[in-house]
């Protein structure tokens, strides 16, 4: 599949997520690795209404430097948001991953487990529901948790802690939560990342309903 078609599908996903209330206003970002260069990913630009997202709203960013690919000529004024660093953290920790989705689901924003600047990451146990199999976890009675990060005002601080945690802890579930902010999921491609997002959202919805 061509890069244009891949970005078109990613843009269509953004429109869908907006309709679900997962990307209200201009919130959230979507990204996917470049088909030819694994050291580059395409990410939605800053300040865009996701209900109008198109493939021309994405720009290429180098994973290691975090800079827009040199020589790229896109739409004037298009620039990556600060949350691009969250996607970089995922790709740097898991080079085999090809897609990262950062959205603001209501249930992920409701989670508070006491993280702070002094204690920036805690694990939130997940209910042992059947949907966990969507993550490739087939334990009979799964005992898994998801990292919850403190919502630093400087997004780079969030990303630095996330990258370090992903590398050191290697969590079994392919998503994380930023307290009072949103959720980030990842997968080998858009299809898998979307599956993980739907499963994660379901888990958090059931958790909210059971409280």
Protein backbone atom coordinates (compact mmCIF):
# COMPACT_ATOMS: atom_id res chain seq x y z
CA UNK A 1 0.00 0.00 0.00
CA UNK A 2 1.31 3.45 -0.88
CA UNK A 3 2.15 6.05 1.75
CA UNK A 4 -0.68 8.24 0.46
CA UNK A 5 -3.25 5.48 0.99
CA UNK A 6 -1.86 4.69 4.45
CA UNK A 7 -2.10 8.33 5.50
CA UNK A 8 -5.59 8.57 4.05
CA UNK A 9 -6.69 5.63 6.21
CA UNK A 10 -5.04 7.18 9.25
CA UNK A 11 -6.82 10.47 8.58
CA UNK A 12 -10.13 8.60 8.27
CA UNK A 13 -9.42 7.01 11.66
CA UNK A 14 -8.98 10.49 13.11
CA UNK A 15 -12.40 11.51 11.79
CA UNK A 16 -13.89 8.35 13.33
CA UNK A 17 -12.22 8.96 16.70
CA UNK A 18 -13.51 12.54 16.69
CA UNK A 19 -17.04 11.24 16.14
CA UNK A 20 -16.61 8.93 19.15
CA UNK A 21 -15.59 11.88 21.34
CA UNK A 22 -12.00 10.65 21.61
CA UNK A 23 -10.42 13.66 19.87
CA UNK A 24 -12.54 16.68 20.87
CA UNK A 25 -11.55 20.12 19.70
CA UNK A 26 -8.03 19.78 18.34
CA UNK A 27 -6.95 17.20 20.93
CA UNK A 28 -4.80 14.18 20.16
CA UNK A 29 -2.36 13.03 17.49
CA UNK A 30 -2.02 10.03 15.21
CA UNK A 31 1.19 8.68 13.72
CA UNK A 32 2.52 5.90 11.53
CA UNK A 33 5.98 4.84 10.37
CA UNK A 34 7.16 5.72 6.89
CA UNK A 35 6.84 2.79 4.48
CA UNK A 36 10.42 3.15 3.19
CA UNK A 37 12.34 4.70 6.08
CA UNK A 38 11.86 3.08 9.53
CA UNK A 39 13.63 6.05 11.11
CA UNK A 40 10.83 8.41 10.08
CA UNK A 41 7.18 8.58 11.13
CA UNK A 42 4.28 10.69 9.91
CA UNK A 43 2.30 12.54 12.56
CA UNK A 44 -0.79 14.74 12.42
CA UNK A 45 -0.01 18.43 12.67
CA UNK A 46 -0.66 20.72 15.62
CA UNK A 47 -3.98 22.46 16.22
CA UNK A 48 -6.04 20.58 13.64
CA UNK A 49 -9.74 19.74 13.89
CA UNK A 50 -9.78 15.95 13.64
CA UNK A 51 -13.24 15.86 12.03
CA UNK A 52 -11.64 17.41 8.93
CA UNK A 53 -8.37 15.47 8.91
CA UNK A 54 -6.84 14.52 5.53
CA UNK A 55 -3.59 12.87 4.46
CA UNK A 56 -2.15 16.33 3.76
CA UNK A 57 -2.36 17.12 7.50
CA UNK A 58 0.56 14.80 8.33
CA UNK A 59 4.24 15.63 8.30
CA UNK A 60 7.37 13.42 8.48
CA UNK A 61 9.45 13.50 11.66
CA UNK A 62 12.80 11.82 12.36
CA UNK A 63 12.56 9.46 15.30
CA UNK A 64 15.98 10.17 16.77
CA UNK A 65 16.16 13.95 16.33
CA UNK A 66 12.47 14.78 16.65
CA UNK A 67 12.84 17.23 13.77
CA UNK A 68 10.75 17.48 10.63
CA UNK A 69 12.47 15.58 7.82
CA UNK A 70 14.90 17.88 6.06
CA UNK A 71 13.76 18.93 2.62
CA UNK A 72 10.11 18.08 3.16
CA UNK A 73 7.76 20.60 1.61
CA UNK A 74 4.23 20.38 2.92
CA UNK A 75 1.37 22.75 3.58
CA UNK A 76 2.48 26.15 4.86
CA UNK A 77 2.12 26.55 8.61
CA UNK A 78 1.84 22.80 9.32
CA UNK A 79 3.96 21.85 12.32
CA UNK A 80 4.20 18.96 14.81
CA UNK A 81 2.68 19.43 18.26
CA UNK A 82 4.53 18.99 21.54
CA UNK A 83 2.83 15.59 21.90
CA UNK A 84 4.88 14.33 18.96
CA UNK A 85 7.47 13.46 21.60
CA UNK A 86 5.07 10.85 23.04
CA UNK A 87 5.05 9.04 19.71
CA UNK A 88 8.84 9.24 19.55
CA UNK A 89 9.06 7.64 22.99
CA UNK A 90 7.01 4.68 21.77
CA UNK A 91 9.02 4.20 18.58
CA UNK A 92 12.35 4.55 20.38
CA UNK A 93 11.35 2.01 23.02
CA UNK A 94 9.74 -0.40 20.55
CA UNK A 95 11.37 -0.11 17.10
CA UNK A 96 9.16 -2.94 15.82
CA UNK A 97 6.02 -0.86 16.34
CA UNK A 98 4.67 0.96 13.29
CA UNK A 99 1.70 2.98 14.54
CA UNK A 100 0.90 5.07 17.61
CA UNK A 101 -2.46 6.64 18.49
CA UNK A 102 -2.76 9.33 21.17
CA UNK A 103 -6.37 10.20 21.99
CA UNK A 104 -8.37 11.69 24.86
CA UNK A 105 -11.07 9.18 25.77
CA UNK A 106 -13.34 10.31 28.64
CA UNK A 107 -12.68 7.21 30.76
CA UNK A 108 -8.90 7.61 30.53
CA UNK A 109 -9.26 11.18 31.78
CA UNK A 110 -11.22 10.03 34.83
CA UNK A 111 -8.40 7.85 36.17
CA UNK A 112 -6.59 9.21 39.22
CA UNK A 113 -4.21 6.97 41.18
CA UNK A 114 -2.02 9.50 42.93
CA UNK A 115 0.93 9.96 40.60
CA UNK A 116 3.00 13.10 41.16
CA UNK A 117 6.24 14.79 40.17
CA UNK A 118 7.94 12.83 42.93
CA UNK A 119 6.20 9.57 41.94
CA UNK A 120 5.54 9.99 38.20
CA UNK A 121 4.50 6.43 37.27
CA UNK A 122 2.22 3.86 38.91
CA UNK A 123 0.72 0.63 37.59
CA UNK A 124 -3.07 0.37 37.36
CA UNK A 125 -4.34 -3.26 37.57
CA UNK A 126 -6.73 -4.15 34.76
CA UNK A 127 -9.86 -6.20 35.20
CA UNK A 128 -9.25 -9.79 33.95
CA UNK A 129 -11.74 -9.52 31.11
CA UNK A 130 -11.94 -11.56 27.91
CA UNK A 131 -11.09 -8.49 25.80
CA UNK A 132 -7.48 -8.63 27.07
CA UNK A 133 -6.94 -11.33 24.43
CA UNK A 134 -6.94 -8.47 21.91
CA UNK A 135 -3.46 -7.70 23.24
CA UNK A 136 -2.25 -11.22 22.54
CA UNK A 137 -2.50 -12.17 26.23
CA UNK A 138 -4.11 -15.60 26.55
CA UNK A 139 -3.68 -16.27 30.28
CA UNK A 140 -6.68 -18.01 31.83
CA UNK A 141 -6.94 -15.39 34.58
CA UNK A 142 -4.76 -12.52 33.36
CA UNK A 143 -2.99 -10.43 35.96
CA UNK A 144 -1.85 -7.39 34.02
CA UNK A 145 -1.60 -3.67 34.60
CA UNK A 146 -1.13 -0.48 32.61
CA UNK A 147 1.32 2.33 33.43
CA UNK A 148 -0.24 5.63 34.47
CA UNK A 149 1.96 8.71 34.15
CA UNK A 150 1.87 12.10 35.83
CA UNK A 151 0.64 14.86 33.53
CA UNK A 152 3.66 17.18 33.50
CA UNK A 153 2.99 20.64 32.00
CA UNK A 154 6.01 20.06 29.75
CA UNK A 155 5.06 17.15 27.47
CA UNK A 156 8.73 16.26 26.95
CA UNK A 157 8.93 15.35 30.65
CA UNK A 158 6.04 12.92 30.15
CA UNK A 159 7.77 11.43 27.12
CA UNK A 160 11.11 11.04 28.89
CA UNK A 161 9.52 9.10 31.75
CA UNK A 162 7.43 7.05 29.35
CA UNK A 163 10.38 6.03 27.19
CA UNK A 164 12.45 5.02 30.22
CA UNK A 165 9.58 3.00 31.68
CA UNK A 166 8.76 1.21 28.43
CA UNK A 167 12.39 0.19 27.95
CA UNK A 168 12.92 -0.95 31.54
CA UNK A 169 9.53 -2.45 32.44
CA UNK A 170 8.47 -3.77 29.01
CA UNK A 171 4.73 -3.70 29.90
CA UNK A 172 2.60 -6.55 28.53
CA UNK A 173 -0.23 -4.28 27.44
CA UNK A 174 0.32 -2.01 24.41
CA UNK A 175 -0.95 1.21 25.92
CA UNK A 176 -0.37 3.75 28.65
CA UNK A 177 -2.46 6.40 30.38
CA UNK A 178 -1.50 9.97 31.17
CA UNK A 179 -3.49 11.05 34.21
CA UNK A 180 -6.08 13.77 33.46
CA UNK A 181 -4.86 13.79 29.86
CA UNK A 182 -5.52 10.74 27.72
CA UNK A 183 -4.37 7.40 26.40
CA UNK A 184 -1.66 6.28 23.97
CA UNK A 185 -1.73 2.91 22.26
CA UNK A 186 0.61 1.30 19.75
CA UNK A 187 0.76 -1.58 17.32
CA UNK A 188 2.70 -2.99 14.39
CA UNK A 189 0.34 -1.22 11.99
CA UNK A 190 -2.86 0.83 12.01
CA UNK A 191 -5.10 -2.25 12.09
CA UNK A 192 -3.42 -3.63 15.22
CA UNK A 193 -3.12 -0.24 16.93
CA UNK A 194 -6.83 0.43 16.34
CA UNK A 195 -7.70 -2.99 17.77
CA UNK A 196 -5.64 -2.18 20.85
CA UNK A 197 -7.34 1.20 21.20
CA UNK A 198 -10.82 -0.31 21.06
CA UNK A 199 -9.87 -2.97 23.61
CA UNK A 200 -8.25 -0.45 25.95
CA UNK A 201 -11.27 1.84 25.74
CA UNK A 202 -13.59 -1.08 26.54
CA UNK A 203 -11.50 -2.04 29.59
CA UNK A 204 -11.57 1.49 30.94
CA UNK A 205 -15.32 1.86 30.26
CA UNK A 206 -16.08 -1.31 32.22
CA UNK A 207 -13.78 -0.14 35.02
CA UNK A 208 -15.64 3.19 35.22
CA UNK A 209 -19.02 1.39 35.25
CA UNK A 210 -17.95 -1.00 38.01
CA UNK A 211 -16.89 1.70 40.44
